[in-house]
Amino acid sequence: MSDTSKRGFASMDEDKQREIASKGGHAAHEKGTAHEFTSEEAREAGRKGGEAVSQDREHMAEIGSKGGKSSHKGSKSKQENESADDNEEKGTRGGTPEQHSKAGKQSHKNK
C-alpha cells in the first residue's frame, strides 16, 4: 500500500470534487474566460473518446453481447426464445465463443 496524503483535491470524495469544480466553472463563465466548444471541437472530442473506449475489448464485447441479447428478445416467439436461451447457456448462439473472439479481433483491424 502506498503512503499517500490525506489532503488535496484528489483525496476528496467525488461529490466534493464535483461541487468545487462546478464552482470554478460557474466563476469562469461569469468572468468570461470559460472555453466554449465549437461543434467541430465537440465532434473531435467525441471521436477521440469513442476511440479510447473501443480500445477496451472486454468492455466492447460486454456491451455488444448485451445489445445482441436485447435486440433478439422481442423478435421471436416464446418457444424460439426458450430455444435461444438454451443455446446461449451452451455458448452456441450464433457461433462458438472462439468464433466471436476471432470476429471481434478482426473487426478492430480495419480502424
Protein backbone atom coordinates (compact mmCIF):
# COMPACT_ATOMS: atom_id res chain seq x y z
CA MET A 1 0.00 0.00 0.00
CA SER A 2 1.41 3.39 -0.94
CA ASP A 3 1.87 6.18 1.57
CA THR A 4 -0.45 8.89 0.19
CA SER A 5 -1.51 12.14 1.74
CA LYS A 6 -4.99 12.57 3.15
CA ARG A 7 -5.04 16.14 1.84
CA GLY A 8 -5.76 17.72 -1.50
CA PHE A 9 -8.33 17.66 -4.26
CA ALA A 10 -7.60 14.12 -5.45
CA SER A 11 -8.17 12.67 -1.97
CA MET A 12 -11.68 14.16 -1.68
CA ASP A 13 -14.77 12.13 -2.43
CA GLU A 14 -16.21 12.53 -5.93
CA ASP A 15 -19.22 14.62 -4.83
CA LYS A 16 -16.99 17.17 -3.11
CA GLN A 17 -14.69 17.32 -6.16
CA ARG A 18 -17.71 17.93 -8.44
CA GLU A 19 -19.00 20.66 -6.17
CA ILE A 20 -15.66 22.51 -6.18
CA ALA A 21 -15.14 22.04 -9.93
CA SER A 22 -18.64 23.30 -10.62
CA LYS A 23 -17.95 26.49 -8.67
CA GLY A 24 -14.84 27.04 -10.77
CA GLY A 25 -16.79 26.52 -13.97
CA HIS A 26 -19.50 28.95 -12.95
CA ALA A 27 -16.91 31.54 -11.97
CA ALA A 28 -15.12 31.20 -15.32
CA HIS A 29 -18.38 31.69 -17.21
CA GLU A 30 -19.25 34.77 -15.15
CA LYS A 31 -15.78 36.19 -15.78
CA GLY A 32 -15.98 35.37 -19.49
CA THR A 33 -12.88 33.18 -19.57
CA ALA A 34 -14.61 29.79 -19.88
CA HIS A 35 -13.93 27.84 -23.05
CA GLU A 36 -16.99 27.32 -25.24
CA PHE A 37 -16.63 24.32 -27.56
CA THR A 38 -17.47 24.78 -31.22
CA SER A 39 -19.43 21.97 -32.84
CA GLU A 40 -16.23 20.87 -34.61
CA GLU A 41 -14.28 20.72 -31.31
CA ALA A 42 -17.10 18.78 -29.67
CA ARG A 43 -17.20 16.34 -32.61
CA GLU A 44 -13.44 15.78 -32.40
CA ALA A 45 -13.60 15.24 -28.62
CA GLY A 46 -16.40 12.70 -29.06
CA ARG A 47 -14.44 10.87 -31.76
CA LYS A 48 -11.37 10.64 -29.53
CA GLY A 49 -13.47 9.40 -26.61
CA GLY A 50 -15.07 6.75 -28.81
CA GLU A 51 -11.66 5.57 -29.97
CA ALA A 52 -10.42 5.32 -26.39
CA VAL A 53 -13.46 3.31 -25.27
CA SER A 54 -13.28 0.97 -28.26
CA GLN A 55 -9.72 0.00 -27.32
CA ASP A 56 -11.13 -1.80 -24.26
CA ARG A 57 -12.01 -5.09 -25.98
CA GLU A 58 -13.55 -6.64 -22.88
CA HIS A 59 -15.89 -3.66 -22.45
CA MET A 60 -16.86 -3.69 -26.13
CA ALA A 61 -17.55 -7.43 -26.04
CA GLU A 62 -19.75 -6.97 -22.98
CA ILE A 63 -21.86 -4.18 -24.45
CA GLY A 64 -22.10 -6.00 -27.78
CA SER A 65 -23.36 -9.10 -26.06
CA LYS A 66 -25.96 -7.13 -24.12
CA GLY A 67 -27.12 -5.38 -27.28
CA GLY A 68 -27.42 -8.65 -29.17
CA LYS A 69 -29.45 -10.28 -26.43
CA SER A 70 -31.69 -7.23 -26.13
CA SER A 71 -32.38 -6.95 -29.85
CA HIS A 72 -33.30 -10.63 -30.17
CA LYS A 73 -35.61 -10.92 -27.16
CA GLY A 74 -38.64 -9.15 -28.66
CA SER A 75 -38.44 -10.55 -32.18
CA LYS A 76 -39.13 -14.23 -31.52
CA SER A 77 -41.94 -16.34 -30.20
CA LYS A 78 -41.74 -17.64 -26.62
CA GLN A 79 -40.73 -21.11 -27.86
CA GLU A 80 -37.98 -19.65 -30.07
CA ASN A 81 -36.73 -17.51 -27.17
CA GLU A 82 -36.53 -20.53 -24.88
CA SER A 83 -34.56 -22.40 -27.53
CA ALA A 84 -32.22 -19.42 -27.99
CA ASP A 85 -31.76 -19.17 -24.21
CA ASP A 86 -30.77 -22.86 -24.12
CA ASN A 87 -28.21 -22.23 -26.86
CA GLU A 88 -26.82 -19.17 -25.06
CA GLU A 89 -26.21 -21.25 -21.95
CA LYS A 90 -24.27 -23.75 -24.08
CA GLY A 91 -22.29 -20.93 -25.73
CA THR A 92 -23.53 -21.86 -29.22
CA ARG A 93 -25.72 -18.86 -30.06
CA GLY A 94 -24.53 -17.60 -33.42
CA GLY A 95 -21.19 -19.41 -33.20
CA THR A 96 -18.70 -20.51 -30.62
CA PRO A 97 -17.05 -18.13 -28.15
CA GLU A 98 -13.81 -18.66 -30.08
CA GLN A 99 -15.51 -17.56 -33.31
CA HIS A 100 -16.91 -14.47 -31.59
CA SER A 101 -13.48 -13.60 -30.21
CA LYS A 102 -11.86 -14.00 -33.61
CA ALA A 103 -14.54 -11.89 -35.29
CA GLY A 104 -14.15 -9.18 -32.66
CA LYS A 105 -10.40 -9.02 -33.13
CA GLN A 106 -10.77 -8.84 -36.91
CA SER A 107 -13.33 -6.03 -36.73
CA HIS A 108 -10.82 -3.79 -34.94
CA LYS A 109 -8.10 -4.28 -37.57
CA ASN A 110 -9.91 -2.06 -40.08
CA LYS A 111 -9.91 1.03 -37.87
